[in-house]
Protein backbone atom coordinates (compact mmCIF):
# COMPACT_ATOMS: atom_id res chain seq x y z
CA MET A 1 -7.16 -3.17 13.31
CA ARG A 2 -9.84 -2.17 10.80
CA ILE A 3 -10.54 1.55 10.41
CA GLU A 4 -13.60 2.19 8.27
CA ARG A 5 -13.80 5.29 6.13
CA HIS A 6 -16.44 7.88 6.84
CA GLN A 7 -19.30 8.24 4.38
CA VAL A 8 -19.48 10.81 1.60
CA ASP A 9 -22.78 11.68 -0.05
CA GLU A 10 -23.33 9.67 -3.24
CA ALA A 11 -24.32 12.80 -5.14
CA ALA A 12 -20.95 14.41 -4.35
CA VAL A 13 -19.12 11.28 -5.52
CA SER A 14 -21.12 11.15 -8.76
CA ALA A 15 -20.55 14.85 -9.42
CA ALA A 16 -16.78 14.43 -9.00
CA LEU A 17 -16.76 11.57 -11.52
CA GLU A 18 -19.20 12.85 -14.13
CA ASP A 19 -17.66 14.17 -17.36
CA PHE A 20 -14.41 14.84 -15.52
CA GLU A 21 -12.11 15.35 -18.50
CA ASN A 22 -14.32 17.98 -20.15
CA ARG A 23 -15.17 19.62 -16.85
CA ILE A 24 -11.59 20.05 -15.63
CA GLY A 25 -10.54 21.26 -19.08
CA GLY A 26 -13.30 23.84 -19.02
CA GLN A 27 -12.29 25.03 -15.58
CA VAL A 28 -8.69 25.48 -16.67
CA ARG A 29 -9.74 27.52 -19.68
CA THR A 30 -12.05 29.69 -17.60
CA MET A 31 -9.43 30.33 -14.93
CA SER A 32 -6.72 31.22 -17.43
CA ARG A 33 -8.84 33.75 -19.36
CA GLY A 34 -8.50 36.34 -16.63
CA GLY A 35 -4.72 36.47 -16.84
CA PRO A 36 -2.00 34.61 -14.96
CA MET A 37 -3.41 32.08 -12.52
CA ALA A 38 -2.44 32.76 -8.91
CA THR A 39 -2.30 30.74 -5.69
CA TYR A 40 -6.08 30.45 -5.35
CA GLU A 41 -6.64 29.08 -8.85
CA TRP A 42 -3.91 26.42 -8.57
CA GLN A 43 -5.30 25.35 -5.21
CA ARG A 44 -8.82 25.03 -6.60
CA LEU A 45 -7.54 22.85 -9.45
CA ALA A 46 -5.68 20.65 -6.98
CA GLU A 47 -8.89 20.24 -4.96
CA GLU A 48 -10.93 19.35 -8.04
CA LEU A 49 -8.37 16.71 -9.00
CA LEU A 50 -8.32 15.33 -5.47
CA ASP A 51 -12.12 15.19 -5.39
CA HIS A 52 -11.98 13.09 -8.54
CA LEU A 53 -9.28 10.85 -7.07
CA GLY A 54 -11.28 10.39 -3.88
CA ALA A 55 -14.39 9.57 -5.90
CA LEU A 56 -12.41 7.02 -7.92
CA SER A 57 -11.39 5.35 -4.66
CA VAL A 58 -15.03 4.60 -3.83
CA GLY A 59 -15.24 2.16 -6.73
CA THR A 60 -11.55 1.19 -6.77
CA PRO A 61 -10.22 1.44 -3.20
CA ALA A 62 -6.72 0.31 -4.21
CA LEU A 63 -6.41 3.13 -6.78
CA ASP A 64 -3.98 0.93 -8.71
CA THR A 65 -4.88 2.33 -12.13
CA PRO A 66 -3.10 4.54 -14.68
CA GLU A 67 -5.87 7.14 -14.35
CA ALA A 68 -5.39 7.40 -10.60
CA GLU A 69 -1.65 7.84 -11.01
CA ALA A 70 -2.11 10.56 -13.64
CA VAL A 71 -4.67 12.44 -11.54
CA LEU A 72 -2.45 12.26 -8.44
CA LYS A 73 0.51 13.68 -10.35
CA ASP A 74 -1.54 16.58 -11.67
CA ALA A 75 -3.01 17.29 -8.23
CA ALA A 76 0.51 17.42 -6.82
CA ALA A 77 1.69 19.64 -9.68
CA ALA A 78 -1.21 22.06 -9.15
CA ALA A 79 -0.66 22.21 -5.39
CA ALA A 80 3.08 22.70 -5.89
CA GLY A 81 2.21 25.39 -8.44
CA ALA A 82 0.35 27.30 -5.74
CA VAL A 83 3.39 27.01 -3.47
CA ALA A 84 5.71 28.13 -6.29
CA TYR A 85 3.49 31.16 -6.89
CA ALA A 86 3.64 31.99 -3.18
CA ALA A 87 7.41 31.60 -3.17
CA TYR A 88 8.46 33.16 -6.46
CA HIS A 89 5.80 35.54 -7.79
CA THR A 90 7.36 38.94 -8.64
CA TYR A 91 10.84 37.58 -7.76
CA GLU A 92 11.74 34.69 -10.07
CA SER A 93 10.70 32.97 -13.29
CA PHE A 94 8.90 29.64 -12.87
CA HIS A 95 6.63 27.28 -14.77
CA VAL A 96 3.69 25.09 -13.78
CA PHE A 97 2.44 22.26 -15.99
CA LEU A 98 -0.24 19.60 -15.58
CA ASP A 99 0.46 16.60 -17.81
CA HIS A 100 -2.93 14.86 -17.65
CA VAL A 101 -4.83 18.11 -18.17
CA ASN A 102 -2.23 19.18 -20.76
CA PHE A 103 -2.08 22.74 -19.51
CA GLY A 104 0.71 24.94 -18.20
CA MET A 105 1.62 28.53 -17.46
CA SER A 106 4.92 30.40 -17.28
CA TYR A 107 5.69 33.33 -15.01
CA ARG A 108 8.34 36.05 -15.13
CA PRO A 109 9.60 38.44 -12.44
CA GLY A 110 7.79 41.73 -11.99
CA GLY A 111 4.36 42.99 -11.09
CA GLU A 112 2.91 43.55 -7.66
CA ARG A 113 2.43 41.10 -4.84
CA ASP A 114 -0.94 40.64 -3.17
CA GLU A 115 -1.45 39.51 0.41
CA LEU A 116 -3.44 36.57 -0.97
CA ASP A 117 -0.44 35.30 -2.95
CA GLY A 118 0.91 33.35 0.02
CA VAL A 119 -0.08 29.98 1.44
CA THR A 120 -1.12 29.20 5.00
CA PRO A 121 0.69 26.55 7.05
CA SER A 122 -2.19 24.11 6.52
CA GLU A 123 -2.17 24.71 2.75
CA TRP A 124 1.61 24.27 2.74
CA ILE A 125 1.27 20.93 4.55
CA ASP A 126 -1.38 19.61 2.15
CA ALA A 127 0.74 20.55 -0.86
CA PHE A 128 3.88 19.04 0.67
CA CYS A 129 2.05 15.80 1.42
CA LEU A 130 0.90 15.62 -2.20
CA THR A 131 4.43 16.09 -3.50
CA ILE A 132 5.58 13.28 -1.19
CA LEU A 133 2.96 10.96 -2.67
CA ALA A 134 3.91 11.96 -6.22
CA ASP A 135 7.65 11.71 -5.41
CA LYS A 136 8.24 15.33 -6.42
CA VAL A 137 9.70 16.83 -3.25
CA ALA A 138 13.19 17.09 -4.74
CA ASP A 139 11.82 19.15 -7.63
CA ASN A 140 10.02 21.61 -5.36
CA GLY A 141 12.04 21.77 -2.14
CA GLU A 142 13.29 25.31 -2.72
CA ALA A 143 9.78 26.63 -3.35
CA PHE A 144 8.52 25.03 -0.14
CA HIS A 145 11.43 26.58 1.75
CA PHE A 146 10.70 30.13 0.56
CA ALA A 147 6.91 29.85 0.70
CA ARG A 148 6.99 29.41 4.49
CA GLN A 149 9.17 32.41 5.30
CA ASP A 150 6.31 34.81 6.08
CA TRP A 151 5.13 32.72 9.02
CA ALA A 152 7.77 30.05 9.80
CA GLU A 153 8.92 31.79 12.98
CA ASN A 154 5.50 33.03 14.05
CA ALA A 155 3.55 31.46 16.92
CA PRO A 156 6.11 29.01 18.29
CA GLY A 157 4.42 25.82 19.39
CA ASN A 158 1.62 26.11 16.84
CA PRO A 159 1.08 22.52 15.61
CA ALA A 160 0.86 23.43 11.93
CA THR A 161 4.04 25.53 11.84
CA GLU A 162 5.92 22.99 13.95
CA LEU A 163 4.84 20.21 11.58
CA VAL A 164 6.09 22.29 8.63
CA LYS A 165 9.49 22.55 10.30
CA GLY A 166 9.50 18.86 11.10
CA LEU A 167 8.65 17.85 7.54
CA MET A 168 11.35 20.11 6.11
CA ALA A 169 13.88 18.59 8.51
CA GLU A 170 12.92 14.95 7.96
CA VAL A 171 12.19 14.98 4.23
CA VAL A 172 14.34 17.79 2.82
CA GLY A 173 17.10 17.91 5.44
CA ASP A 174 16.42 21.58 6.16
CA THR A 175 16.54 22.08 9.93
CA GLY A 176 16.30 25.86 9.65
CA ASP A 177 20.00 26.49 10.25
CA GLU A 178 20.93 29.03 7.60
CA GLU A 179 24.63 28.83 8.50
CA VAL A 180 25.11 25.33 7.09
CA GLU A 181 24.06 23.44 3.98
CA PRO A 182 20.80 21.69 4.87
CA ALA A 183 21.95 18.07 4.81
CA PRO A 184 22.00 16.90 8.42
CA GLY A 185 22.07 13.31 9.58
CA VAL A 186 19.23 11.57 11.34
CA ARG A 187 20.23 12.92 14.77
CA ALA A 188 19.89 16.53 13.56
CA GLU A 189 16.52 15.75 11.96
CA LEU A 190 15.26 14.12 15.12
CA ALA A 191 16.55 17.00 17.23
CA ALA A 192 14.62 19.47 15.06
CA ILE A 193 11.41 17.46 15.48
CA ASP A 194 11.93 17.10 19.23
CA ALA A 195 12.45 20.86 19.52
CA GLY A 196 9.10 21.44 17.83
CA LEU A 197 7.37 18.95 20.12
CA GLU A 198 8.87 20.68 23.15
CA ARG A 199 7.61 24.08 21.94
CA MET A 200 4.14 22.56 21.53
CA ARG A 201 4.20 21.11 25.05
CA ALA A 202 5.29 24.46 26.45
CA ARG A 203 2.43 26.22 24.67
CA ALA A 204 -0.02 23.59 25.90
CA ALA A 205 1.20 24.10 29.46
CA ASP A 206 0.38 27.81 29.13
CA GLY A 207 -3.30 27.02 28.75
CA GLU A 208 -3.72 25.53 25.28
CA GLY A 209 -3.72 21.88 26.27
CA ALA A 210 -6.19 20.90 23.55
CA LEU A 211 -3.68 21.75 20.82
CA LEU A 212 -1.81 18.49 21.52
CA ASP A 213 -4.84 16.60 20.20
CA ARG A 214 -5.01 18.49 16.91
CA PRO A 215 -4.23 16.47 13.76
CA HIS A 216 -1.03 18.39 13.01
CA ALA A 217 0.25 17.78 16.55
CA MET A 218 -0.59 14.10 16.22
CA GLY A 219 1.12 14.06 12.84
CA LEU A 220 4.31 15.53 14.28
CA ARG A 221 4.43 12.77 16.89
CA VAL A 222 4.02 10.17 14.16
CA LEU A 223 6.80 11.85 12.18
CA ARG A 224 8.98 11.71 15.28
CA ALA A 225 8.41 7.95 15.59
CA LEU A 226 9.33 7.55 11.93
CA SER A 227 12.51 9.58 12.33
CA ALA A 228 13.47 7.52 15.40
CA GLY A 229 12.74 4.22 13.64
CA ASP A 230 10.14 3.33 16.29
CA ARG A 231 7.66 1.27 14.31
CA GLU A 232 5.38 0.44 17.24
CA ALA A 233 4.90 4.12 18.08
CA PHE A 234 4.53 4.94 14.38
CA ASP A 235 1.80 2.33 13.80
CA SER A 236 -0.18 3.29 16.91
CA GLY A 237 0.15 7.00 16.19
CA LEU A 238 -0.92 6.62 12.57
CA ALA A 239 -3.93 4.54 13.63
CA ALA A 240 -4.93 7.26 16.10
CA LEU A 241 -4.61 9.91 13.40
CA LEU A 242 -6.78 7.87 11.01
CA SER A 243 -9.37 7.14 13.70
CA ALA A 244 -9.67 10.84 14.46
CA HIS A 245 -10.13 11.57 10.75
CA SER A 246 -12.83 8.91 10.37
CA ALA A 247 -14.90 10.56 13.09
CA GLN A 248 -15.72 13.58 10.93
CA PRO A 249 -19.39 13.91 9.89
CA GLY A 250 -20.50 12.62 6.53
CA PRO A 251 -22.93 15.21 5.12
CA GLY A 252 -21.17 18.01 3.28
CA VAL A 253 -17.69 16.51 3.24
CA ARG A 254 -15.99 16.31 -0.14
CA PRO A 255 -14.75 13.12 -1.83
CA ARG A 256 -11.16 14.28 -1.35
CA SER A 257 -11.63 13.74 2.41
CA LEU A 258 -11.58 9.99 1.70
CA LEU A 259 -7.84 10.36 1.04
CA PRO A 260 -6.40 12.12 4.14
CA LEU A 261 -3.16 13.62 2.89
CA LEU A 262 -1.14 13.75 6.12
CA PRO A 263 -1.66 10.09 7.11
CA LEU A 264 -1.08 9.05 3.51
CA ALA A 265 2.18 10.99 3.26
CA LEU A 266 3.43 9.61 6.58
CA ALA A 267 2.60 6.07 5.46
CA ALA A 268 4.38 6.73 2.15
CA LEU A 269 7.49 8.01 3.93
CA ALA A 270 7.51 4.94 6.17
CA TYR A 271 7.23 2.57 3.24
CA ARG A 272 9.73 4.33 1.02
CA SER A 273 12.36 4.95 3.71
CA HIS A 274 11.94 1.89 5.96
CA GLY A 275 9.90 -0.59 3.93
CA TRP A 276 7.06 -0.46 6.49
CA THR A 277 3.70 -1.37 4.98
CA PRO A 278 0.70 0.13 6.80
CA ALA A 279 -0.34 -1.89 9.84
CA ALA A 280 -3.83 -0.40 9.82
CA ASP A 281 -6.43 -2.18 7.69
CA THR A 282 -8.19 0.72 6.00
CA ASP A 283 -9.24 2.10 2.64
CA TYR A 284 -7.88 5.48 3.78
CA LEU A 285 -4.42 4.27 2.70
CA PRO A 286 -4.58 2.91 -0.87
CA LEU A 287 -1.39 0.89 -1.29
CA ALA A 288 -0.72 2.36 -4.73
CA LEU A 289 -0.47 5.84 -3.22
CA VAL A 290 1.69 4.61 -0.33
CA THR A 291 4.15 2.78 -2.57
CA GLY A 292 4.21 5.31 -5.39
CA PHE A 293 2.42 2.85 -7.69
CA ALA A 294 5.23 0.33 -7.28
CA THR A 295 4.49 -3.37 -7.69
CA LEU A 296 4.92 -5.20 -4.39
């Protein structure tokens, strides 16, 4: 099945490619002049890097280049930096560094927290997906755990928060049980995902039926198929998720939208845990990103 990518305005693609090295370096310097960079600044850098990566994929859909790998790693580091700031700011020391940009910043405990220091569930998911693609989950698992604490138990059945719980269970082994070390077997992971799906169905039955068609709800069902080892359900669910993404309008969308993070991360998990290559024929899933730039 061929799933064509949506169109992005040529001017936006050109702008994301033009003079990238000098432009991103200038943005870093500007952001850092005002003092320690916070969640917002790290997120903006991640988006700029992803826009460049998406623009690169227009000319090189496979993204099998050293530049693409370097940009992906920095985008993941910047996004994880935003999560680390949300998790640790005022509490713990931490450090964020972007290799390709050659820029970093260290933080120490102290100061005051702002309500804007946190990340939303959707921002958490995007950052987590990037760290999956860059194979950096193990380095940032604790930060992702703490960054979700302000809202993890809010709004049961909300697709985004249930997907967060499912990803933590499947990828990190954290099912939310604070009484035990988070290293459950597959059955515990699957049970955690199924519990989230059941909470979503209950919420839908209370009058929010449309929430089951949201991308995060679809993503949780795909994650469930992956956890259960059901390749047929995984392939069909991932294709549905990609088809829904391709339906978005072209004008005004950014080049980073050409690389949908949730489908990419799910495809990467499937390949790296089960050896499943994507069944869908689409430029939305550059094989280099799915395999972690491994040679097939």
